[in-house]
C-alpha atoms as a PDB file:
ATOM      1  CA  MET A   1       0.196  -2.834  -4.615  1.00  0.00           C
ATOM      2  CA  GLN A   2      -1.353  -3.237  -8.057  1.00  0.00           C
ATOM      3  CA  GLU A   3      -3.475  -0.029  -7.723  1.00  0.00           C
ATOM      4  CA  PHE A   4      -0.513   2.051  -6.602  1.00  0.00           C
ATOM      5  CA  PHE A   5       1.604   0.615  -9.397  1.00  0.00           C
ATOM      6  CA  ALA A   6      -1.099   1.384 -11.987  1.00  0.00           C
ATOM      7  CA  GLU A   7      -1.271   5.019 -10.781  1.00  0.00           C
ATOM      8  CA  LEU A   8       2.460   5.377 -10.898  1.00  0.00           C
ATOM      9  CA  MET A   9       2.650   3.912 -14.354  1.00  0.00           C
ATOM     10  CA  ASN A  10      -0.157   6.160 -15.576  1.00  0.00           C
ATOM     11  CA  ILE A  11       1.693   9.206 -14.356  1.00  0.00           C
ATOM     12  CA  ILE A  12       4.964   8.066 -16.082  1.00  0.00           C
ATOM     13  CA  HIS A  13       3.466   6.697 -19.365  1.00  0.00           C
ATOM     14  CA  GLY A  14       0.122   8.387 -19.680  1.00  0.00           C
ATOM     15  CA  ASP A  15      -2.286   6.733 -22.098  1.00  0.00           C
ATOM     16  CA  ALA A  16       0.366   4.348 -23.254  1.00  0.00           C
ATOM     17  CA  PHE A  17      -0.183   2.361 -19.980  1.00  0.00           C
ATOM     18  CA  VAL A  18      -3.455   0.559 -19.550  1.00  0.00           C
ATOM     19  CA  PRO A  19      -4.361  -0.788 -16.048  1.00  0.00           C
ATOM     20  CA  THR A  20      -6.309  -4.012 -16.112  1.00  0.00           C
ATOM     21  CA  GLY A  21      -8.982  -5.250 -13.808  1.00  0.00           C
ATOM     22  CA  THR A  22     -10.131  -8.845 -13.244  1.00  0.00           C
ATOM     23  CA  ASP A  23     -13.332 -10.449 -14.421  1.00  0.00           C
ATOM     24  CA  TYR A  24     -13.350 -13.191 -11.840  1.00  0.00           C
ATOM     25  CA  SER A  25     -15.365 -15.469 -14.127  1.00  0.00           C
ATOM     26  CA  ARG A  26     -12.631 -15.377 -16.779  1.00  0.00           C
ATOM     27  CA  GLY A  27      -9.483 -14.390 -15.062  1.00  0.00           C
ATOM     28  CA  ASP A  28      -7.068 -11.508 -15.859  1.00  0.00           C
ATOM     29  CA  LEU A  29      -5.365 -13.137 -18.884  1.00  0.00           C
ATOM     30  CA  GLN A  30      -2.116 -13.143 -16.705  1.00  0.00           C
ATOM     31  CA  CYS A  31      -1.982  -9.393 -16.996  1.00  0.00           C
ATOM     32  CA  ASP A  32      -1.947  -6.736 -14.195  1.00  0.00           C
ATOM     33  CA  GLY A  33      -1.229  -3.875 -16.625  1.00  0.00           C
ATOM     34  CA  ILE A  34      -0.143  -3.306 -20.158  1.00  0.00           C
ATOM     35  CA  LEU A  35       2.358  -0.862 -21.738  1.00  0.00           C
ATOM     36  CA  LEU A  36       1.278  -0.605 -25.366  1.00  0.00           C
ATOM     37  CA  VAL A  37       4.621   0.182 -26.999  1.00  0.00           C
ATOM     38  CA  PRO A  38       6.580  -1.896 -26.798  1.00  0.00           C
ATOM     39  CA  LEU A  39       3.922  -4.347 -25.789  1.00  0.00           C
ATOM     40  CA  THR A  40       4.779  -5.103 -22.139  1.00  0.00           C
ATOM     41  CA  ILE A  41       2.800  -7.184 -19.649  1.00  0.00           C
ATOM     42  CA  PHE A  42       3.141  -6.543 -15.957  1.00  0.00           C
ATOM     43  CA  ALA A  43       2.524  -9.267 -13.328  1.00  0.00           C
ATOM     44  CA  CYS A  44       2.160  -8.021  -9.767  1.00  0.00           C
ATOM     45  CA  TYR A  45       2.844  -9.972  -6.699  1.00  0.00           C
ATOM     46  CA  GLY A  46       2.477  -8.537  -3.210  1.00  0.00           C
ATOM     47  CA  PRO A  47       3.294 -11.063  -0.376  1.00  0.00           C
ATOM     48  CA  VAL A  48       2.073 -10.172   3.116  1.00  0.00           C
ATOM     49  CA  ASN A  49       4.599  -8.022   5.071  1.00  0.00           C
ATOM     50  CA  ALA A  50       6.729  -7.699   1.976  1.00  0.00           C
ATOM     51  CA  GLY A  51       7.763 -11.344   2.363  1.00  0.00           C
ATOM     52  CA  THR A  52       9.057 -10.989   5.940  1.00  0.00           C
ATOM     53  CA  ASN A  53       9.786 -14.413   7.463  1.00  0.00           C
ATOM     54  CA  ALA A  54       8.756 -16.263   4.319  1.00  0.00           C
ATOM     55  CA  THR A  55       8.732 -20.002   4.658  1.00  0.00           C
ATOM     56  CA  GLU A  56      10.166 -22.528   2.298  1.00  0.00           C
ATOM     57  CA  ALA A  57       6.555 -23.439   1.200  1.00  0.00           C
ATOM     58  CA  SER A  58       5.488 -19.882   0.644  1.00  0.00           C
ATOM     59  CA  MET A  59       8.684 -19.218  -1.444  1.00  0.00           C
ATOM     60  CA  GLU A  60       7.952 -22.284  -3.504  1.00  0.00           C
ATOM     61  CA  ARG A  61       4.461 -20.874  -4.241  1.00  0.00           C
ATOM     62  CA  ALA A  62       5.945 -17.526  -5.213  1.00  0.00           C
ATOM     63  CA  VAL A  63       8.383 -19.084  -7.722  1.00  0.00           C
ATOM     64  CA  LYS A  64       5.632 -21.216  -9.158  1.00  0.00           C
ATOM     65  CA  LYS A  65       3.564 -17.968  -9.618  1.00  0.00           C
ATOM     66  CA  VAL A  66       6.372 -16.405 -11.513  1.00  0.00           C
ATOM     67  CA  ALA A  67       6.541 -19.384 -13.834  1.00  0.00           C
ATOM     68  CA  SER A  68       2.706 -19.593 -14.292  1.00  0.00           C
ATOM     69  CA  ASP A  69       2.237 -15.890 -14.757  1.00  0.00           C
ATOM     70  CA  PHE A  70       4.858 -15.847 -17.476  1.00  0.00           C
ATOM     71  CA  ALA A  71       3.555 -18.892 -19.211  1.00  0.00           C
ATOM     72  CA  GLY A  72       0.028 -17.485 -19.168  1.00  0.00           C
ATOM     73  CA  ALA A  73       1.213 -14.134 -20.570  1.00  0.00           C
ATOM     74  CA  ILE A  74       3.023 -15.860 -23.450  1.00  0.00           C
ATOM     75  CA  LYS A  75      -0.080 -17.834 -24.318  1.00  0.00           C
ATOM     76  CA  GLU A  76      -2.543 -14.980 -24.040  1.00  0.00           C
ATOM     77  CA  TRP A  77      -0.350 -12.241 -25.548  1.00  0.00           C
ATOM     78  CA  PRO A  78       1.572 -13.700 -28.509  1.00  0.00           C
ATOM     79  CA  ALA A  79       2.763 -10.338 -29.608  1.00  0.00           C
ATOM     80  CA  LEU A  80       4.451  -9.727 -26.296  1.00  0.00           C
ATOM     81  CA  LYS A  81       7.815  -7.914 -26.374  1.00  0.00           C
ATOM     82  CA  SER A  82       8.520  -7.541 -22.633  1.00  0.00           C
ATOM     83  CA  TRP A  83       7.412  -9.075 -19.400  1.00  0.00           C
ATOM     84  CA  VAL A  84       7.904  -7.517 -15.986  1.00  0.00           C
ATOM     85  CA  PHE A  85       7.498  -9.167 -12.589  1.00  0.00           C
ATOM     86  CA  VAL A  86       6.435  -6.455 -10.102  1.00  0.00           C
ATOM     87  CA  HIS A  87       6.823  -7.272  -6.409  1.00  0.00           C
ATOM     88  CA  ASN A  88       7.060  -5.632  -2.964  1.00  0.00           C
ATOM     89  CA  TYR A  89       9.717  -7.751  -1.373  1.00  0.00           C
ATOM     90  CA  VAL A  90      12.239  -5.582   0.503  1.00  0.00           C
ATOM     91  CA  GLU A  91      14.898  -7.514  -1.371  1.00  0.00           C
ATOM     92  CA  ALA A  92      14.129  -9.894  -4.267  1.00  0.00           C
ATOM     93  CA  PRO A  93      14.587 -13.369  -2.963  1.00  0.00           C
ATOM     94  CA  ALA A  94      17.382 -15.338  -4.702  1.00  0.00           C
ATOM     95  CA  GLN A  95      14.937 -18.099  -5.707  1.00  0.00           C
ATOM     96  CA  ILE A  96      12.828 -15.580  -7.690  1.00  0.00           C
ATOM     97  CA  VAL A  97      15.874 -13.932  -9.288  1.00  0.00           C
ATOM     98  CA  GLN A  98      17.087 -17.455 -10.310  1.00  0.00           C
ATOM     99  CA  LYS A  99      13.688 -18.138 -11.877  1.00  0.00           C
ATOM    100  CA  ILE A 100      13.750 -14.848 -13.784  1.00  0.00           C
ATOM    101  CA  LEU A 101      17.207 -15.595 -15.091  1.00  0.00           C
ATOM    102  CA  ASP A 102      16.058 -19.044 -16.197  1.00  0.00           C
ATOM    103  CA  LEU A 103      13.193 -17.428 -18.085  1.00  0.00           C
ATOM    104  CA  ARG A 104      15.636 -14.992 -19.745  1.00  0.00           C
ATOM    105  CA  THR A 105      17.873 -17.809 -20.802  1.00  0.00           C
ATOM    106  CA  ASN A 106      14.995 -19.793 -22.287  1.00  0.00           C
ATOM    107  CA  ASN A 107      13.292 -16.780 -23.942  1.00  0.00           C
ATOM    108  CA  PRO A 108      16.172 -14.712 -25.426  1.00  0.00           C
ATOM    109  CA  LYS A 109      13.869 -12.725 -27.762  1.00  0.00           C
ATOM    110  CA  LEU A 110      11.905 -11.269 -24.870  1.00  0.00           C
ATOM    111  CA  ASP A 111      12.918  -8.466 -22.515  1.00  0.00           C
ATOM    112  CA  ILE A 112      12.237  -9.992 -19.041  1.00  0.00           C
ATOM    113  CA  LYS A 113      12.653  -7.666 -15.934  1.00  0.00           C
ATOM    114  CA  ILE A 114      12.111  -7.442 -12.254  1.00  0.00           C
ATOM    115  CA  PHE A 115      10.506  -4.334 -10.795  1.00  0.00           C
ATOM    116  CA  GLY A 116      10.861  -4.055  -7.041  1.00  0.00           C
ATOM    117  CA  LYS A 117      11.604  -1.672  -4.238  1.00  0.00           C
ATOM    118  CA  SER A 118      14.461   0.043  -5.993  1.00  0.00           C
ATOM    119  CA  GLY A 119      12.276   0.401  -9.083  1.00  0.00           C
ATOM    120  CA  PHE A 120       9.468   2.054  -7.141  1.00  0.00           C
ATOM    121  CA  GLU A 121      11.904   4.386  -5.394  1.00  0.00           C
ATOM    122  CA  SER A 122      13.687   5.342  -8.604  1.00  0.00           C
ATOM    123  CA  ALA A 123      10.454   6.001 -10.441  1.00  0.00           C
ATOM    124  CA  LEU A 124       9.138   8.200  -7.678  1.00  0.00           C
ATOM    125  CA  LEU A 125      12.325  10.113  -7.349  1.00  0.00           C
ATOM    126  CA  ASP A 126      12.198  10.948 -11.112  1.00  0.00           C
ATOM    127  CA  LEU A 127       8.812  12.520 -10.752  1.00  0.00           C
ATOM    128  CA  ASP A 128       8.297  16.232 -10.276  1.00  0.00           C
ATOM    129  CA  GLU A 129       6.717  17.509  -6.998  1.00  0.00           C
ATOM    130  CA  ALA A 130       3.321  18.001  -8.715  1.00  0.00           C
ATOM    131  CA  SER A 131       3.287  14.371  -9.932  1.00  0.00           C
ATOM    132  CA  ILE A 132       4.278  13.041  -6.538  1.00  0.00           C
ATOM    133  CA  GLU A 133       1.512  15.086  -4.921  1.00  0.00           C
ATOM    134  CA  ALA A 134      -0.960  13.693  -7.516  1.00  0.00           C
ATOM    135  CA  LEU A 135       0.105  10.215  -6.524  1.00  0.00           C
ATOM    136  CA  ILE A 136       0.360  10.404  -2.791  1.00  0.00           C
ATOM    137  CA  GLY A 137      -1.562  13.478  -1.872  1.00  0.00           C
ATOM    138  CA  ASP A 138      -0.870  17.094  -1.004  1.00  0.00           C
ATOM    139  CA  ALA A 139       2.750  17.390   0.180  1.00  0.00           C
ATOM    140  CA  ALA A 140       2.269  18.787   3.745  1.00  0.00           C
ATOM    141  CA  THR A 141       5.571  20.231   5.065  1.00  0.00           C
ATOM    142  CA  GLU A 142       7.291  19.626   8.328  1.00  0.00           C
ATOM    143  CA  GLN A 143       5.963  22.961   9.483  1.00  0.00           C
ATOM    144  CA  ASP A 144       2.381  21.943   8.600  1.00  0.00           C
ATOM    145  CA  PHE A 145       2.823  18.869  10.839  1.00  0.00           C
ATOM    146  CA  ARG A 146       4.124  21.047  13.681  1.00  0.00           C
ATOM    147  CA  SER A 147       1.131  23.290  13.306  1.00  0.00           C
ATOM    148  CA  LEU A 148      -1.545  20.614  13.680  1.00  0.00           C
ATOM    149  CA  GLN A 149      -4.926  22.285  14.449  1.00  0.00           C
ATOM    150  CA  PRO A 150      -7.316  20.375  16.810  1.00  0.00           C
ATOM    151  CA  GLU A 151     -10.368  21.606  14.795  1.00  0.00           C
ATOM    152  CA  ASP A 152      -8.930  19.907  11.720  1.00  0.00           C
ATOM    153  CA  VAL A 153      -8.662  16.559  13.551  1.00  0.00           C
ATOM    154  CA  LEU A 154     -12.158  16.847  14.871  1.00  0.00           C
ATOM    155  CA  ALA A 155     -13.495  17.748  11.400  1.00  0.00           C
ATOM    156  CA  VAL A 156     -11.931  14.600  10.026  1.00  0.00           C
ATOM    157  CA  VAL A 157     -13.305  12.601  12.915  1.00  0.00           C
ATOM    158  CA  SER A 158     -16.796  14.078  12.461  1.00  0.00           C
ATOM    159  CA  SER A 159     -16.828  13.181   8.802  1.00  0.00           C
ATOM    160  CA  ILE A 160     -15.822   9.586   9.530  1.00  0.00           C
ATOM    161  CA  MET A 161     -18.378   9.108  12.245  1.00  0.00           C
ATOM    162  CA  ALA A 162     -21.186  10.501  10.057  1.00  0.00           C
ATOM    163  CA  SER A 163     -20.324   8.227   7.174  1.00  0.00           C
ATOM    164  CA  VAL A 164     -20.239   4.842   8.896  1.00  0.00           C
ATOM    165  CA  ASP A 165     -22.289   2.620  11.219  1.00  0.00           C
ATOM    166  CA  HIS A 166     -20.239   2.939  14.453  1.00  0.00           C
ATOM    167  CA  ASP A 167     -22.379   0.586  16.590  1.00  0.00           C
ATOM    168  CA  GLY A 168     -19.657  -1.961  16.677  1.00  0.00           C
ATOM    169  CA  ILE A 169     -17.767  -3.102  19.796  1.00  0.00           C
ATOM    170  CA  PRO A 170     -15.467  -0.256  20.983  1.00  0.00           C
ATOM    171  CA  ASP A 171     -11.751  -1.136  20.868  1.00  0.00           C
ATOM    172  CA  ASP A 172      -9.664   0.428  23.535  1.00  0.00           C
ATOM    173  CA  ALA A 173      -7.551  -2.524  24.872  1.00  0.00           C
ATOM    174  CA  PRO A 174      -4.151  -1.391  26.137  1.00  0.00           C
ATOM    175  CA  VAL A 175      -1.268  -2.583  23.902  1.00  0.00           C
ATOM    176  CA  VAL A 176       2.527  -2.519  23.803  1.00  0.00           C
ATOM    177  CA  VAL A 177       3.827  -1.192  20.560  1.00  0.00           C
ATOM    178  CA  PRO A 178       6.506  -3.358  19.046  1.00  0.00           C
ATOM    179  CA  ASP A 179       9.705  -1.505  18.243  1.00  0.00           C
ATOM    180  CA  GLN A 180       9.966  -2.786  14.730  1.00  0.00           C
ATOM    181  CA  LYS A 181       6.295  -2.349  13.653  1.00  0.00           C
ATOM    182  CA  LEU A 182       7.167   0.371  11.242  1.00  0.00           C
ATOM    183  CA  TYR A 183       9.583  -1.864   9.411  1.00  0.00           C
ATOM    184  CA  PHE A 184       8.043  -5.403   9.368  1.00  0.00           C
ATOM    185  CA  ASN A 185       4.665  -4.302   7.798  1.00  0.00           C
ATOM    186  CA  GLY A 186       6.183  -4.030   4.361  1.00  0.00           C
ATOM    187  CA  LEU A 187       5.500  -0.347   3.827  1.00  0.00           C
ATOM    188  CA  SER A 188       7.563   1.588   1.293  1.00  0.00           C
ATOM    189  CA  SER A 189       9.935   4.407   2.443  1.00  0.00           C
ATOM    190  CA  ILE A 190       7.429   7.039   1.392  1.00  0.00           C
ATOM    191  CA  CYS A 191       4.628   5.421   3.388  1.00  0.00           C
ATOM    192  CA  LYS A 192       6.853   4.978   6.435  1.00  0.00           C
ATOM    193  CA  GLN A 193       7.819   8.564   6.284  1.00  0.00           C
ATOM    194  CA  ARG A 194       4.116   9.632   6.220  1.00  0.00           C
ATOM    195  CA  ILE A 195       3.555   7.553   9.466  1.00  0.00           C
ATOM    196  CA  VAL A 196       6.638   9.104  11.053  1.00  0.00           C
ATOM    197  CA  ASP A 197       5.460  12.536  10.117  1.00  0.00           C
ATOM    198  CA  GLY A 198       2.116  11.795  11.796  1.00  0.00           C
ATOM    199  CA  LEU A 199       3.683  10.211  14.851  1.00  0.00           C
ATOM    200  CA  GLN A 200       4.980  13.528  16.049  1.00  0.00           C
ATOM    201  CA  ASN A 201       1.306  14.457  16.621  1.00  0.00           C
ATOM    202  CA  ALA A 202       0.086  11.052  17.847  1.00  0.00           C
ATOM    203  CA  ASN A 203       0.096  12.113  21.565  1.00  0.00           C
ATOM    204  CA  ARG A 204      -1.780  15.237  20.788  1.00  0.00           C
ATOM    205  CA  VAL A 205      -4.405  13.233  18.802  1.00  0.00           C
ATOM    206  CA  ALA A 206      -4.755  10.854  21.711  1.00  0.00           C
ATOM    207  CA  THR A 207      -5.286  13.547  24.243  1.00  0.00           C
ATOM    208  CA  LEU A 208      -7.773  15.362  22.017  1.00  0.00           C
ATOM    209  CA  LEU A 209      -9.844  12.157  21.536  1.00  0.00           C
ATOM    210  CA  LEU A 210      -9.629  11.085  25.213  1.00  0.00           C
ATOM    211  CA  ASP A 211     -10.655  14.455  26.387  1.00  0.00           C
ATOM    212  CA  HIS A 212     -13.580  14.715  24.064  1.00  0.00           C
ATOM    213  CA  GLN A 213     -17.098  15.114  25.519  1.00  0.00           C
ATOM    214  CA  ASP A 214     -17.786  11.659  24.275  1.00  0.00           C
ATOM    215  CA  PRO A 215     -15.644   9.479  26.403  1.00  0.00           C
ATOM    216  CA  MET A 216     -15.938   6.463  24.086  1.00  0.00           C
ATOM    217  CA  LEU A 217     -14.997   8.436  20.919  1.00  0.00           C
ATOM    218  CA  ASP A 218     -11.356   7.090  20.724  1.00  0.00           C
ATOM    219  CA  ALA A 219     -12.542   3.514  21.289  1.00  0.00           C
ATOM    220  CA  ARG A 220     -15.279   3.800  18.718  1.00  0.00           C
ATOM    221  CA  LEU A 221     -12.925   5.243  16.113  1.00  0.00           C
ATOM    222  CA  ALA A 222     -10.456   2.492  16.859  1.00  0.00           C
ATOM    223  CA  SER A 223     -13.184  -0.087  16.204  1.00  0.00           C
ATOM    224  CA  ILE A 224     -14.024   1.504  12.840  1.00  0.00           C
ATOM    225  CA  PHE A 225     -10.363   1.675  11.695  1.00  0.00           C
ATOM    226  CA  LYS A 226      -9.697  -1.915  12.815  1.00  0.00           C
ATOM    227  CA  ALA A 227     -12.671  -3.129  10.899  1.00  0.00           C
ATOM    228  CA  LYS A 228     -11.614  -1.190   7.858  1.00  0.00           C
ATOM    229  CA  TYR A 229      -8.089  -2.476   8.087  1.00  0.00           C
ATOM    230  CA  PHE A 230      -9.218  -6.155   8.333  1.00  0.00           C
ATOM    231  CA  GLU A 231     -11.563  -5.540   5.302  1.00  0.00           C
ATOM    232  CA  LEU A 232      -8.571  -4.309   3.213  1.00  0.00           C
ATOM    233  CA  ARG A 233      -6.177  -6.906   4.547  1.00  0.00           C
ATOM    234  CA  ALA A 234      -8.610  -9.677   3.499  1.00  0.00           C
ATOM    235  CA  GLN A 235      -8.218  -8.532  -0.124  1.00  0.00           C
ATOM    236  CA  SER A 236      -4.414  -9.501  -0.052  1.00  0.00           C
ATOM    237  CA  ILE A 237      -3.355  -6.090  -1.389  1.00  0.00           C
ATOM    238  CA  HIS A 238      -0.045  -4.453  -0.902  1.00  0.00           C
ATOM    239  CA  PRO A 239       0.456  -2.728   2.542  1.00  0.00           C
ATOM    240  CA  ASP A 240       1.040   0.653   0.717  1.00  0.00           C
ATOM    241  CA  ASP A 241      -2.384   0.234  -0.959  1.00  0.00           C
ATOM    242  CA  ILE A 242      -3.926  -0.537   2.339  1.00  0.00           C
ATOM    243  CA  LEU A 243      -2.468   2.570   3.877  1.00  0.00           C
ATOM    244  CA  PHE A 244      -3.570   4.822   0.999  1.00  0.00           C
ATOM    245  CA  GLU A 245      -7.080   3.283   1.196  1.00  0.00           C
ATOM    246  CA  LEU A 246      -7.241   4.091   4.849  1.00  0.00           C
ATOM    247  CA  ARG A 247      -6.084   7.563   4.095  1.00  0.00           C
ATOM    248  CA  ASP A 248      -8.731   7.946   1.441  1.00  0.00           C
ATOM    249  CA  PHE A 249     -11.266   6.599   3.907  1.00  0.00           C
ATOM    250  CA  ALA A 250     -10.210   9.085   6.585  1.00  0.00           C
ATOM    251  CA  ALA A 251      -9.925  12.072   4.223  1.00  0.00           C
ATOM    252  CA  MET A 252     -13.184  11.248   2.337  1.00  0.00           C
ATOM    253  CA  GLU A 253     -11.641  12.481  -0.825  1.00  0.00           C
ATOM    254  CA  LYS A 254      -8.557  12.109  -2.973  1.00  0.00           C
ATOM    255  CA  LYS A 255      -7.279  15.675  -2.964  1.00  0.00           C
ATOM    256  CA  THR A 256      -7.286  17.768   0.250  1.00  0.00           C
ATOM    257  CA  THR A 257      -5.601  20.822   1.783  1.00  0.00           C
ATOM    258  CA  ALA A 258      -2.318  20.365   3.548  1.00  0.00           C
ATOM    259  CA  ARG A 259      -3.992  21.087   6.881  1.00  0.00           C
ATOM    260  CA  ARG A 260      -6.482  18.231   6.333  1.00  0.00           C
ATOM    261  CA  GLU A 261      -3.665  15.944   5.206  1.00  0.00           C
ATOM    262  CA  VAL A 262      -1.793  16.676   8.351  1.00  0.00           C
ATOM    263  CA  ALA A 263      -4.948  15.819  10.419  1.00  0.00           C
ATOM    264  CA  VAL A 264      -5.517  12.654   8.477  1.00  0.00           C
ATOM    265  CA  TRP A 265      -1.925  11.319   8.691  1.00  0.00           C
ATOM    266  CA  SER A 266      -1.736  12.311  12.346  1.00  0.00           C
ATOM    267  CA  LEU A 267      -4.936  10.335  13.087  1.00  0.00           C
ATOM    268  CA  LEU A 268      -3.639   7.337  11.140  1.00  0.00           C
ATOM    269  CA  ALA A 269      -0.350   7.467  13.056  1.00  0.00           C
ATOM    270  CA  HIS A 270      -2.237   7.516  16.352  1.00  0.00           C
ATOM    271  CA  PHE A 271      -4.006   4.316  15.446  1.00  0.00           C
ATOM    272  CA  PHE A 272      -0.890   2.827  13.914  1.00  0.00           C
ATOM    273  CA  GLU A 273       0.941   3.379  17.207  1.00  0.00           C
ATOM    274  CA  LYS A 274      -2.160   2.257  19.162  1.00  0.00           C
ATOM    275  CA  CYS A 275      -1.820  -1.018  17.206  1.00  0.00           C
ATOM    276  CA  THR A 276      -5.384  -0.666  15.824  1.00  0.00           C
ATOM    277  CA  ILE A 277      -4.173  -0.826  12.164  1.00  0.00           C
ATOM    278  CA  PHE A 278      -1.425  -2.974  10.629  1.00  0.00           C
ATOM    279  CA  GLU A 279       0.260  -6.035  12.085  1.00  0.00           C
ATOM    280  CA  ASP A 280       1.840  -6.113  15.583  1.00  0.00           C
ATOM    281  CA  ALA A 281       4.206  -8.990  14.714  1.00  0.00           C
ATOM    282  CA  PRO A 282       5.720 -10.394  11.501  1.00  0.00           C
ATOM    283  CA  VAL A 283       3.458 -12.927   9.777  1.00  0.00           C
ATOM    284  CA  GLU A 284       4.162 -15.670   7.263  1.00  0.00           C
ATOM    285  CA  ALA A 285       4.154 -14.502   3.589  1.00  0.00           C
ATOM    286  CA  VAL A 286       1.480 -16.022   1.418  1.00  0.00           C
ATOM    287  CA  ALA A 287       1.246 -16.476  -2.355  1.00  0.00           C
END
């Protein structure tokens, strides 16, 4: 989530926004991004599956994180004018809203905000088409998806296979796709739409891979994507960031043609439906 948020803020604010990394020997100074004027510190929190089925214990940890991030920001940035808690919950939990309201009451001179799903959607909708394309890739049309070219899919597959060690254990175990998988993985509406766009070609991609001269191609690709997904998931990053990282991994570059975008998203949708990538059941949120 932090990477996607930083890219969004850079588009909106330009050089006035400074994304921050973490030196793990010293910490991040309780700052996941800075808006220079007025001096605003952003604290990002991305619970697994957008907080679906959060337990009481995990919610307590989340509330404590709000408090500790704010206290740390006050200490490290004494000239602070505004503090924003950025999250990926589908709906902000009442406990977190209550904590934010307490912070506002106790710090009346600071502008303290929550930036969540509605904030992301509003910010994206305010962007022009070129900016949205710069953020999420070339805007392939519905017609582009209906016109998927097999050679484009095979070109993407060839690039992937040539770039990685694919001697892992093939993964082609049959699965039953859960009806709500698209919803409980915490993906934003834009990301869900990209999966939906690709799903119209998922059967075509499956047939293309299964009919390939290499009978194990689909299974080998599944193994590669599963390993990549687990690698990204272990970093505790937002599901949107995971999806875009998988997109970049499959595309091999940030900017592509509409035809290649269609091939990439159709391939990702195939493995999403195949239950190779993303969770097959809701999991407990973690701090």
